[in-house]
């Protein structure tokens, strides 16, 4: 079974790949890191929409999402407000959210998903 890779990033990763009917979107962060958690979440989810489309799927087919927050206690509600407006209510995925020391000080949100194709 072949693996389809989309948007390779140098020598480290592909932003999305498809294998065996599942699209795997690597952790995405906001391009404009000057925004608050809600603003960064909106950017990340828009990017995920684009990557899922490249893989031939969409957010209604997300099976699992992993959310990392720099400040889980203070940013959880803001992230969830944006998430709840974005995700179809009849297609809620399994999801885990954790607090993490992210790769740069100004990254507040990172999200990775797996979706059926």
C-alpha atoms as a PDB file:
ATOM      1  CA  UNK A   1       0.000   0.000   0.000  1.00  0.00           C
ATOM      2  CA  UNK A   2       1.475   3.351  -1.025  1.00  0.00           C
ATOM      3  CA  UNK A   3       1.860   6.477   1.072  1.00  0.00           C
ATOM      4  CA  UNK A   4       0.921   9.857  -0.393  1.00  0.00           C
ATOM      5  CA  UNK A   5       2.872  12.782   1.032  1.00  0.00           C
ATOM      6  CA  UNK A   6       1.850  16.436   0.694  1.00  0.00           C
ATOM      7  CA  UNK A   7       3.772  19.612   1.499  1.00  0.00           C
ATOM      8  CA  UNK A   8       7.124  18.202   2.554  1.00  0.00           C
ATOM      9  CA  UNK A   9       9.042  20.559   4.821  1.00  0.00           C
ATOM     10  CA  UNK A  10      12.727  20.194   4.070  1.00  0.00           C
ATOM     11  CA  UNK A  11      14.145  16.971   5.437  1.00  0.00           C
ATOM     12  CA  UNK A  12      11.960  16.691   8.557  1.00  0.00           C
ATOM     13  CA  UNK A  13       8.330  16.001   7.726  1.00  0.00           C
ATOM     14  CA  UNK A  14       5.340  16.154   5.426  1.00  0.00           C
ATOM     15  CA  UNK A  15       2.542  18.415   6.623  1.00  0.00           C
ATOM     16  CA  UNK A  16      -0.014  15.793   5.630  1.00  0.00           C
ATOM     17  CA  UNK A  17       0.182  12.242   4.411  1.00  0.00           C
ATOM     18  CA  UNK A  18      -2.372   9.610   3.504  1.00  0.00           C
ATOM     19  CA  UNK A  19      -1.983   5.920   4.215  1.00  0.00           C
ATOM     20  CA  UNK A  20      -4.588   3.180   4.243  1.00  0.00           C
ATOM     21  CA  UNK A  21      -7.538   5.585   4.035  1.00  0.00           C
ATOM     22  CA  UNK A  22      -6.356   7.875   6.855  1.00  0.00           C
ATOM     23  CA  UNK A  23      -4.970  11.401   6.478  1.00  0.00           C
ATOM     24  CA  UNK A  24      -2.417  12.374   9.119  1.00  0.00           C
ATOM     25  CA  UNK A  25      -1.934  16.125   9.581  1.00  0.00           C
ATOM     26  CA  UNK A  26       1.187  17.011  11.511  1.00  0.00           C
ATOM     27  CA  UNK A  27       1.046  19.525  14.341  1.00  0.00           C
ATOM     28  CA  UNK A  28       0.149  22.953  12.951  1.00  0.00           C
ATOM     29  CA  UNK A  29       0.913  26.304  14.532  1.00  0.00           C
ATOM     30  CA  UNK A  30      -0.171  29.847  13.680  1.00  0.00           C
ATOM     31  CA  UNK A  31       1.765  31.915  11.141  1.00  0.00           C
ATOM     32  CA  UNK A  32       0.917  35.146  13.011  1.00  0.00           C
ATOM     33  CA  UNK A  33       2.068  34.357  16.514  1.00  0.00           C
ATOM     34  CA  UNK A  34       1.268  37.847  17.769  1.00  0.00           C
ATOM     35  CA  UNK A  35      -2.376  36.852  18.210  1.00  0.00           C
ATOM     36  CA  UNK A  36      -3.961  35.458  21.361  1.00  0.00           C
ATOM     37  CA  UNK A  37      -4.985  31.801  21.765  1.00  0.00           C
ATOM     38  CA  UNK A  38      -8.305  32.311  19.965  1.00  0.00           C
ATOM     39  CA  UNK A  39      -6.625  34.032  17.028  1.00  0.00           C
ATOM     40  CA  UNK A  40      -3.921  31.388  16.801  1.00  0.00           C
ATOM     41  CA  UNK A  41      -6.518  28.607  17.008  1.00  0.00           C
ATOM     42  CA  UNK A  42      -8.493  30.126  14.120  1.00  0.00           C
ATOM     43  CA  UNK A  43      -5.331  30.279  11.993  1.00  0.00           C
ATOM     44  CA  UNK A  44      -4.398  26.702  12.808  1.00  0.00           C
ATOM     45  CA  UNK A  45      -7.865  25.371  12.000  1.00  0.00           C
ATOM     46  CA  UNK A  46      -7.910  27.219   8.656  1.00  0.00           C
ATOM     47  CA  UNK A  47      -4.548  25.638   7.837  1.00  0.00           C
ATOM     48  CA  UNK A  48      -5.893  22.211   8.807  1.00  0.00           C
ATOM     49  CA  UNK A  49      -8.857  22.777   6.468  1.00  0.00           C
ATOM     50  CA  UNK A  50      -6.398  23.435   3.611  1.00  0.00           C
ATOM     51  CA  UNK A  51      -4.270  20.386   4.381  1.00  0.00           C
ATOM     52  CA  UNK A  52      -7.273  18.077   4.703  1.00  0.00           C
ATOM     53  CA  UNK A  53      -8.519  19.291   1.308  1.00  0.00           C
ATOM     54  CA  UNK A  54      -5.137  18.446  -0.249  1.00  0.00           C
ATOM     55  CA  UNK A  55      -5.517  14.946   1.177  1.00  0.00           C
ATOM     56  CA  UNK A  56      -9.021  14.598  -0.254  1.00  0.00           C
ATOM     57  CA  UNK A  57     -10.977  14.891   2.972  1.00  0.00           C
ATOM     58  CA  UNK A  58     -12.405  17.511   5.341  1.00  0.00           C
ATOM     59  CA  UNK A  59     -13.068  18.338   8.989  1.00  0.00           C
ATOM     60  CA  UNK A  60     -16.298  16.319   9.048  1.00  0.00           C
ATOM     61  CA  UNK A  61     -14.157  13.171   8.780  1.00  0.00           C
ATOM     62  CA  UNK A  62     -11.695  13.918  11.586  1.00  0.00           C
ATOM     63  CA  UNK A  63     -11.308  10.845  13.762  1.00  0.00           C
ATOM     64  CA  UNK A  64      -8.888  12.174  16.358  1.00  0.00           C
ATOM     65  CA  UNK A  65      -7.401  15.538  17.283  1.00  0.00           C
ATOM     66  CA  UNK A  66      -4.516  16.328  19.597  1.00  0.00           C
ATOM     67  CA  UNK A  67      -4.363  19.878  20.955  1.00  0.00           C
ATOM     68  CA  UNK A  68      -1.360  21.299  22.774  1.00  0.00           C
ATOM     69  CA  UNK A  69      -1.749  24.560  24.680  1.00  0.00           C
ATOM     70  CA  UNK A  70       1.071  26.580  26.175  1.00  0.00           C
ATOM     71  CA  UNK A  71      -1.281  27.714  28.965  1.00  0.00           C
ATOM     72  CA  UNK A  72      -4.058  25.149  29.338  1.00  0.00           C
ATOM     73  CA  UNK A  73      -5.810  26.758  32.292  1.00  0.00           C
ATOM     74  CA  UNK A  74      -6.001  30.275  30.870  1.00  0.00           C
ATOM     75  CA  UNK A  75      -6.414  29.444  27.145  1.00  0.00           C
ATOM     76  CA  UNK A  76      -8.615  26.328  27.169  1.00  0.00           C
ATOM     77  CA  UNK A  77     -11.923  28.231  26.965  1.00  0.00           C
ATOM     78  CA  UNK A  78     -10.718  30.567  24.186  1.00  0.00           C
ATOM     79  CA  UNK A  79      -9.424  27.644  22.113  1.00  0.00           C
ATOM     80  CA  UNK A  80     -12.652  25.694  22.677  1.00  0.00           C
ATOM     81  CA  UNK A  81     -14.849  28.611  21.578  1.00  0.00           C
ATOM     82  CA  UNK A  82     -13.086  28.713  18.211  1.00  0.00           C
ATOM     83  CA  UNK A  83     -13.006  24.897  17.956  1.00  0.00           C
ATOM     84  CA  UNK A  84     -16.736  24.587  18.661  1.00  0.00           C
ATOM     85  CA  UNK A  85     -17.571  27.139  15.946  1.00  0.00           C
ATOM     86  CA  UNK A  86     -15.349  25.248  13.482  1.00  0.00           C
ATOM     87  CA  UNK A  87     -16.091  21.559  14.024  1.00  0.00           C
ATOM     88  CA  UNK A  88     -19.403  20.178  12.709  1.00  0.00           C
ATOM     89  CA  UNK A  89     -21.539  19.254  15.720  1.00  0.00           C
ATOM     90  CA  UNK A  90     -22.662  16.035  14.017  1.00  0.00           C
ATOM     91  CA  UNK A  91     -19.042  14.967  13.433  1.00  0.00           C
ATOM     92  CA  UNK A  92     -17.304  15.409  16.786  1.00  0.00           C
ATOM     93  CA  UNK A  93     -13.968  13.552  16.856  1.00  0.00           C
ATOM     94  CA  UNK A  94     -12.137  11.982  19.746  1.00  0.00           C
ATOM     95  CA  UNK A  95      -9.792  14.635  21.136  1.00  0.00           C
ATOM     96  CA  UNK A  96      -7.117  15.140  23.756  1.00  0.00           C
ATOM     97  CA  UNK A  97      -5.878  18.505  25.012  1.00  0.00           C
ATOM     98  CA  UNK A  98      -2.741  18.934  27.082  1.00  0.00           C
ATOM     99  CA  UNK A  99      -0.506  21.711  28.306  1.00  0.00           C
ATOM    100  CA  UNK A 100       2.943  21.653  26.736  1.00  0.00           C
ATOM    101  CA  UNK A 101       6.147  23.625  26.497  1.00  0.00           C
ATOM    102  CA  UNK A 102       5.842  24.399  22.781  1.00  0.00           C
ATOM    103  CA  UNK A 103       8.708  24.987  20.334  1.00  0.00           C
ATOM    104  CA  UNK A 104       8.738  28.791  20.600  1.00  0.00           C
ATOM    105  CA  UNK A 105       7.693  31.178  23.349  1.00  0.00           C
ATOM    106  CA  UNK A 106       5.016  32.848  21.201  1.00  0.00           C
ATOM    107  CA  UNK A 107       3.330  29.608  20.063  1.00  0.00           C
ATOM    108  CA  UNK A 108       0.204  29.249  22.189  1.00  0.00           C
ATOM    109  CA  UNK A 109      -1.631  26.493  20.280  1.00  0.00           C
ATOM    110  CA  UNK A 110      -0.620  23.478  18.211  1.00  0.00           C
ATOM    111  CA  UNK A 111      -3.100  20.999  16.723  1.00  0.00           C
ATOM    112  CA  UNK A 112      -2.644  17.701  14.851  1.00  0.00           C
ATOM    113  CA  UNK A 113      -5.472  15.589  13.416  1.00  0.00           C
ATOM    114  CA  UNK A 114      -6.176  12.253  11.801  1.00  0.00           C
ATOM    115  CA  UNK A 115      -9.097  11.988   9.374  1.00  0.00           C
ATOM    116  CA  UNK A 116     -10.737   9.352   7.224  1.00  0.00           C
ATOM    117  CA  UNK A 117     -10.312   9.894   3.494  1.00  0.00           C
END
